[in-house]
Amino acid sequence: MKKYLIQYKSFLLFIGTFFGTYILLTLVYQFYLGSFENDKIDGITKLVGNHTEWLLQLFNNDARVDEISSEPYLQIFYNQEVVAVIVEGCNAISVIILFVAFIVAFSGKLKPTLFYILGGSLFIYILNICRIASLAGLLYYFPEKTHLLHGVLFPLVIYGVVFILWIIWVSKFSKYAK
């Protein structure tokens, strides 16, 4: 058994660090969410809604994001029509947690690791705002394509970008980069 622990030490350290970071950040995020009442929207989701509304209004003055006081979601209006809702799961925090856990598991020097985590997290957040705004506009014009857009295309884009960020990190900045 000791032979295998020594042989697979790097892999086991990666797995342990990845899952440890992922679980810790998820617990912290769940604690944060627990501080809000069931029918209230958390602050991060509200911020996502505000930024989405700002981006939508750059392209269409008749776009807004409204909070419904008795519901835990935001409604996106596009040309006076509700086209989508923003729930807590739309704020990309779970994607950012996954991104951070991987970077920490393949960490390099402290300063580049922290900068990459901050920069990558900000990039994912901005990409998510663009994703939601684009989705709202597309759903207005193509409501019959909801499953394709929301269930296939946009998750593929955001997870694809996260995968590319991971590849860049491992090949250029991590302790395993040549």
C-alpha atoms as a PDB file:
ATOM      1  CA  MET A   1       0.000   0.000   0.000  1.00  0.00           C
ATOM      2  CA  LYS A   2       2.832   2.370   0.920  1.00  0.00           C
ATOM      3  CA  LYS A   3       4.400   1.701  -2.471  1.00  0.00           C
ATOM      4  CA  TYR A   4       1.232   2.889  -4.243  1.00  0.00           C
ATOM      5  CA  LEU A   5       0.919   5.958  -2.036  1.00  0.00           C
ATOM      6  CA  ILE A   6       4.450   6.949  -2.965  1.00  0.00           C
ATOM      7  CA  GLN A   7       3.955   6.066  -6.636  1.00  0.00           C
ATOM      8  CA  TYR A   8       0.717   8.080  -6.962  1.00  0.00           C
ATOM      9  CA  LYS A   9       1.594  10.847  -4.509  1.00  0.00           C
ATOM     10  CA  SER A  10       1.249  13.675  -7.062  1.00  0.00           C
ATOM     11  CA  PHE A  11      -2.129  12.421  -8.245  1.00  0.00           C
ATOM     12  CA  LEU A  12      -3.416  11.910  -4.710  1.00  0.00           C
ATOM     13  CA  LEU A  13      -2.240  15.382  -3.673  1.00  0.00           C
ATOM     14  CA  PHE A  14      -3.999  16.871  -6.693  1.00  0.00           C
ATOM     15  CA  ILE A  15      -7.255  15.017  -5.949  1.00  0.00           C
ATOM     16  CA  GLY A  16      -7.095  15.842  -2.234  1.00  0.00           C
ATOM     17  CA  THR A  17      -6.332  19.512  -2.842  1.00  0.00           C
ATOM     18  CA  PHE A  18      -8.966  19.817  -5.566  1.00  0.00           C
ATOM     19  CA  PHE A  19     -11.768  18.222  -3.547  1.00  0.00           C
ATOM     20  CA  GLY A  20     -10.687  19.899  -0.302  1.00  0.00           C
ATOM     21  CA  THR A  21     -10.749  23.337  -1.937  1.00  0.00           C
ATOM     22  CA  TYR A  22     -13.991  22.589  -3.773  1.00  0.00           C
ATOM     23  CA  ILE A  23     -15.763  21.380  -0.617  1.00  0.00           C
ATOM     24  CA  LEU A  24     -14.452  24.271   1.491  1.00  0.00           C
ATOM     25  CA  LEU A  25     -15.507  26.936  -1.024  1.00  0.00           C
ATOM     26  CA  THR A  26     -18.875  25.256  -1.552  1.00  0.00           C
ATOM     27  CA  LEU A  27     -19.501  25.204   2.208  1.00  0.00           C
ATOM     28  CA  VAL A  28     -18.546  28.883   2.493  1.00  0.00           C
ATOM     29  CA  TYR A  29     -20.887  29.723  -0.388  1.00  0.00           C
ATOM     30  CA  GLN A  30     -23.716  27.654   1.114  1.00  0.00           C
ATOM     31  CA  PHE A  31     -23.207  29.453   4.433  1.00  0.00           C
ATOM     32  CA  TYR A  32     -23.436  32.764   2.565  1.00  0.00           C
ATOM     33  CA  LEU A  33     -26.651  31.651   0.827  1.00  0.00           C
ATOM     34  CA  GLY A  34     -28.073  30.469   4.152  1.00  0.00           C
ATOM     35  CA  SER A  35     -27.929  34.023   5.442  1.00  0.00           C
ATOM     36  CA  PHE A  36     -30.767  34.955   3.053  1.00  0.00           C
ATOM     37  CA  GLU A  37     -34.402  34.069   3.570  1.00  0.00           C
ATOM     38  CA  ASN A  38     -35.876  31.474   1.198  1.00  0.00           C
ATOM     39  CA  ASP A  39     -37.846  34.059  -0.759  1.00  0.00           C
ATOM     40  CA  LYS A  40     -34.990  36.573  -0.993  1.00  0.00           C
ATOM     41  CA  ILE A  41     -32.368  36.924  -3.683  1.00  0.00           C
ATOM     42  CA  ASP A  42     -28.747  36.841  -2.593  1.00  0.00           C
ATOM     43  CA  GLY A  43     -26.513  39.842  -3.215  1.00  0.00           C
ATOM     44  CA  ILE A  44     -24.342  38.202  -5.873  1.00  0.00           C
ATOM     45  CA  THR A  45     -27.376  37.241  -7.960  1.00  0.00           C
ATOM     46  CA  LYS A  46     -28.712  40.800  -7.613  1.00  0.00           C
ATOM     47  CA  LEU A  47     -25.356  42.123  -8.796  1.00  0.00           C
ATOM     48  CA  VAL A  48     -25.474  39.766 -11.789  1.00  0.00           C
ATOM     49  CA  GLY A  49     -28.975  41.067 -12.527  1.00  0.00           C
ATOM     50  CA  ASN A  50     -27.826  44.703 -12.315  1.00  0.00           C
ATOM     51  CA  HIS A  51     -24.895  44.093 -14.641  1.00  0.00           C
ATOM     52  CA  THR A  52     -27.064  42.120 -17.057  1.00  0.00           C
ATOM     53  CA  GLU A  53     -29.586  44.955 -17.170  1.00  0.00           C
ATOM     54  CA  TRP A  54     -26.800  47.469 -17.826  1.00  0.00           C
ATOM     55  CA  LEU A  55     -25.437  45.359 -20.690  1.00  0.00           C
ATOM     56  CA  LEU A  56     -28.879  44.764 -22.195  1.00  0.00           C
ATOM     57  CA  GLN A  57     -29.635  48.482 -22.114  1.00  0.00           C
ATOM     58  CA  LEU A  58     -26.513  49.206 -24.141  1.00  0.00           C
ATOM     59  CA  PHE A  59     -28.239  47.441 -27.037  1.00  0.00           C
ATOM     60  CA  ASN A  60     -31.930  47.938 -26.275  1.00  0.00           C
ATOM     61  CA  ASN A  61     -33.434  50.709 -24.164  1.00  0.00           C
ATOM     62  CA  ASP A  62     -36.514  48.567 -23.635  1.00  0.00           C
ATOM     63  CA  ALA A  63     -34.751  45.949 -21.522  1.00  0.00           C
ATOM     64  CA  ARG A  64     -34.809  45.656 -17.764  1.00  0.00           C
ATOM     65  CA  VAL A  65     -34.302  43.199 -14.929  1.00  0.00           C
ATOM     66  CA  ASP A  66     -36.878  43.317 -12.134  1.00  0.00           C
ATOM     67  CA  GLU A  67     -36.971  41.727  -8.717  1.00  0.00           C
ATOM     68  CA  ILE A  68     -40.247  40.122  -7.690  1.00  0.00           C
ATOM     69  CA  SER A  69     -40.564  40.769  -3.949  1.00  0.00           C
ATOM     70  CA  SER A  70     -42.109  37.401  -3.074  1.00  0.00           C
ATOM     71  CA  GLU A  71     -39.941  35.239  -5.366  1.00  0.00           C
ATOM     72  CA  PRO A  72     -36.249  34.233  -5.206  1.00  0.00           C
ATOM     73  CA  TYR A  73     -35.486  35.201  -8.795  1.00  0.00           C
ATOM     74  CA  LEU A  74     -35.169  38.172 -11.123  1.00  0.00           C
ATOM     75  CA  GLN A  75     -37.202  38.555 -14.301  1.00  0.00           C
ATOM     76  CA  ILE A  76     -35.599  39.749 -17.522  1.00  0.00           C
ATOM     77  CA  PHE A  77     -37.882  41.895 -19.649  1.00  0.00           C
ATOM     78  CA  TYR A  78     -37.000  42.467 -23.288  1.00  0.00           C
ATOM     79  CA  ASN A  79     -39.353  44.673 -25.338  1.00  0.00           C
ATOM     80  CA  GLN A  80     -41.984  44.498 -22.573  1.00  0.00           C
ATOM     81  CA  GLU A  81     -41.916  40.691 -22.548  1.00  0.00           C
ATOM     82  CA  VAL A  82     -40.508  38.369 -19.868  1.00  0.00           C
ATOM     83  CA  VAL A  83     -37.934  36.298 -21.717  1.00  0.00           C
ATOM     84  CA  ALA A  84     -36.016  34.664 -18.861  1.00  0.00           C
ATOM     85  CA  VAL A  85     -35.391  34.612 -15.144  1.00  0.00           C
ATOM     86  CA  ILE A  86     -32.154  34.805 -13.206  1.00  0.00           C
ATOM     87  CA  VAL A  87     -31.962  32.407 -10.267  1.00  0.00           C
ATOM     88  CA  GLU A  88     -29.102  31.855  -7.833  1.00  0.00           C
ATOM     89  CA  GLY A  89     -27.641  29.142 -10.081  1.00  0.00           C
ATOM     90  CA  CYS A  90     -27.205  31.674 -12.896  1.00  0.00           C
ATOM     91  CA  ASN A  91     -24.634  33.774 -11.057  1.00  0.00           C
ATOM     92  CA  ALA A  92     -21.667  31.547 -12.093  1.00  0.00           C
ATOM     93  CA  ILE A  93     -20.364  31.156  -8.543  1.00  0.00           C
ATOM     94  CA  SER A  94     -20.433  27.356  -8.819  1.00  0.00           C
ATOM     95  CA  VAL A  95     -18.416  27.597 -12.050  1.00  0.00           C
ATOM     96  CA  ILE A  96     -15.948  29.968 -10.390  1.00  0.00           C
ATOM     97  CA  ILE A  97     -15.596  27.586  -7.423  1.00  0.00           C
ATOM     98  CA  LEU A  98     -14.806  24.736  -9.828  1.00  0.00           C
ATOM     99  CA  PHE A  99     -12.272  26.938 -11.643  1.00  0.00           C
ATOM    100  CA  VAL A 100     -10.580  28.023  -8.401  1.00  0.00           C
ATOM    101  CA  ALA A 101     -10.395  24.467  -7.024  1.00  0.00           C
ATOM    102  CA  PHE A 102      -8.580  23.289 -10.138  1.00  0.00           C
ATOM    103  CA  ILE A 103      -6.131  26.206 -10.117  1.00  0.00           C
ATOM    104  CA  VAL A 104      -5.362  25.668  -6.423  1.00  0.00           C
ATOM    105  CA  ALA A 105      -4.841  21.944  -7.044  1.00  0.00           C
ATOM    106  CA  PHE A 106      -2.318  22.789  -9.768  1.00  0.00           C
ATOM    107  CA  SER A 107      -0.986  25.841  -7.961  1.00  0.00           C
ATOM    108  CA  GLY A 108       2.331  27.378  -8.751  1.00  0.00           C
ATOM    109  CA  LYS A 109       3.923  30.342  -7.081  1.00  0.00           C
ATOM    110  CA  LEU A 110       1.585  32.238  -4.761  1.00  0.00           C
ATOM    111  CA  LYS A 111       1.460  35.594  -6.559  1.00  0.00           C
ATOM    112  CA  PRO A 112       0.761  34.243 -10.083  1.00  0.00           C
ATOM    113  CA  THR A 113      -1.757  31.776  -8.631  1.00  0.00           C
ATOM    114  CA  LEU A 114      -3.684  34.528  -6.849  1.00  0.00           C
ATOM    115  CA  PHE A 115      -3.593  36.807  -9.902  1.00  0.00           C
ATOM    116  CA  TYR A 116      -4.775  34.009 -12.180  1.00  0.00           C
ATOM    117  CA  ILE A 117      -7.584  33.095  -9.788  1.00  0.00           C
ATOM    118  CA  LEU A 118      -8.711  36.734  -9.545  1.00  0.00           C
ATOM    119  CA  GLY A 119      -8.345  37.418 -13.255  1.00  0.00           C
ATOM    120  CA  GLY A 120      -9.953  34.149 -14.301  1.00  0.00           C
ATOM    121  CA  SER A 121     -12.832  34.574 -11.867  1.00  0.00           C
ATOM    122  CA  LEU A 122     -13.479  38.106 -13.125  1.00  0.00           C
ATOM    123  CA  PHE A 123     -13.330  36.871 -16.720  1.00  0.00           C
ATOM    124  CA  ILE A 124     -15.832  34.077 -15.960  1.00  0.00           C
ATOM    125  CA  TYR A 125     -18.125  36.575 -14.204  1.00  0.00           C
ATOM    126  CA  ILE A 126     -18.049  38.967 -17.176  1.00  0.00           C
ATOM    127  CA  LEU A 127     -18.531  36.096 -19.624  1.00  0.00           C
ATOM    128  CA  ASN A 128     -21.543  34.990 -17.596  1.00  0.00           C
ATOM    129  CA  ILE A 129     -23.097  38.481 -17.768  1.00  0.00           C
ATOM    130  CA  CYS A 130     -22.609  38.421 -21.545  1.00  0.00           C
ATOM    131  CA  ARG A 131     -24.091  34.907 -21.625  1.00  0.00           C
ATOM    132  CA  ILE A 132     -27.243  35.936 -19.761  1.00  0.00           C
ATOM    133  CA  ALA A 133     -27.727  39.120 -21.818  1.00  0.00           C
ATOM    134  CA  SER A 134     -27.182  37.254 -25.084  1.00  0.00           C
ATOM    135  CA  LEU A 135     -29.496  34.494 -23.987  1.00  0.00           C
ATOM    136  CA  ALA A 136     -32.225  37.020 -23.147  1.00  0.00           C
ATOM    137  CA  GLY A 137     -32.000  38.633 -26.561  1.00  0.00           C
ATOM    138  CA  LEU A 138     -31.907  35.325 -28.392  1.00  0.00           C
ATOM    139  CA  LEU A 139     -34.838  33.936 -26.404  1.00  0.00           C
ATOM    140  CA  TYR A 140     -36.910  36.945 -27.397  1.00  0.00           C
ATOM    141  CA  TYR A 141     -36.347  36.243 -31.089  1.00  0.00           C
ATOM    142  CA  PHE A 142     -36.098  32.433 -30.921  1.00  0.00           C
ATOM    143  CA  PRO A 143     -38.224  31.207 -27.978  1.00  0.00           C
ATOM    144  CA  GLU A 144     -38.568  27.772 -29.558  1.00  0.00           C
ATOM    145  CA  LYS A 145     -34.792  27.279 -29.231  1.00  0.00           C
ATOM    146  CA  THR A 146     -34.775  27.572 -25.420  1.00  0.00           C
ATOM    147  CA  HIS A 147     -33.383  24.084 -24.789  1.00  0.00           C
ATOM    148  CA  LEU A 148     -30.663  24.401 -27.411  1.00  0.00           C
ATOM    149  CA  LEU A 149     -29.588  27.862 -26.237  1.00  0.00           C
ATOM    150  CA  HIS A 150     -29.918  27.494 -22.464  1.00  0.00           C
ATOM    151  CA  GLY A 151     -29.314  23.778 -22.081  1.00  0.00           C
ATOM    152  CA  VAL A 152     -26.619  23.107 -24.680  1.00  0.00           C
ATOM    153  CA  LEU A 153     -24.936  26.078 -26.357  1.00  0.00           C
ATOM    154  CA  PHE A 154     -24.356  28.440 -23.458  1.00  0.00           C
ATOM    155  CA  PRO A 155     -23.165  25.781 -20.956  1.00  0.00           C
ATOM    156  CA  LEU A 156     -20.809  24.527 -23.663  1.00  0.00           C
ATOM    157  CA  VAL A 157     -19.403  28.035 -24.070  1.00  0.00           C
ATOM    158  CA  ILE A 158     -18.889  28.788 -20.384  1.00  0.00           C
ATOM    159  CA  TYR A 159     -17.465  25.366 -19.479  1.00  0.00           C
ATOM    160  CA  GLY A 160     -15.381  25.386 -22.656  1.00  0.00           C
ATOM    161  CA  VAL A 161     -13.815  28.699 -21.658  1.00  0.00           C
ATOM    162  CA  VAL A 162     -13.120  27.383 -18.145  1.00  0.00           C
ATOM    163  CA  PHE A 163     -11.443  24.325 -19.685  1.00  0.00           C
ATOM    164  CA  ILE A 164      -9.283  26.576 -21.892  1.00  0.00           C
ATOM    165  CA  LEU A 165      -8.337  28.682 -18.842  1.00  0.00           C
ATOM    166  CA  TRP A 166      -7.291  25.467 -17.072  1.00  0.00           C
ATOM    167  CA  ILE A 167      -5.167  24.381 -20.043  1.00  0.00           C
ATOM    168  CA  ILE A 168      -3.462  27.790 -20.150  1.00  0.00           C
ATOM    169  CA  TRP A 169      -2.795  27.622 -16.408  1.00  0.00           C
ATOM    170  CA  VAL A 170      -1.337  24.115 -16.448  1.00  0.00           C
ATOM    171  CA  SER A 171       0.795  24.674 -19.535  1.00  0.00           C
ATOM    172  CA  LYS A 172       2.065  28.191 -18.748  1.00  0.00           C
ATOM    173  CA  PHE A 173       1.931  28.977 -15.034  1.00  0.00           C
ATOM    174  CA  SER A 174       1.505  25.939 -12.785  1.00  0.00           C
ATOM    175  CA  LYS A 175       4.329  24.148 -11.053  1.00  0.00           C
ATOM    176  CA  TYR A 176       4.034  21.500 -13.786  1.00  0.00           C
ATOM    177  CA  ALA A 177       4.621  23.947 -16.659  1.00  0.00           C
ATOM    178  CA  LYS A 178       7.843  23.408 -18.515  1.00  0.00           C
END
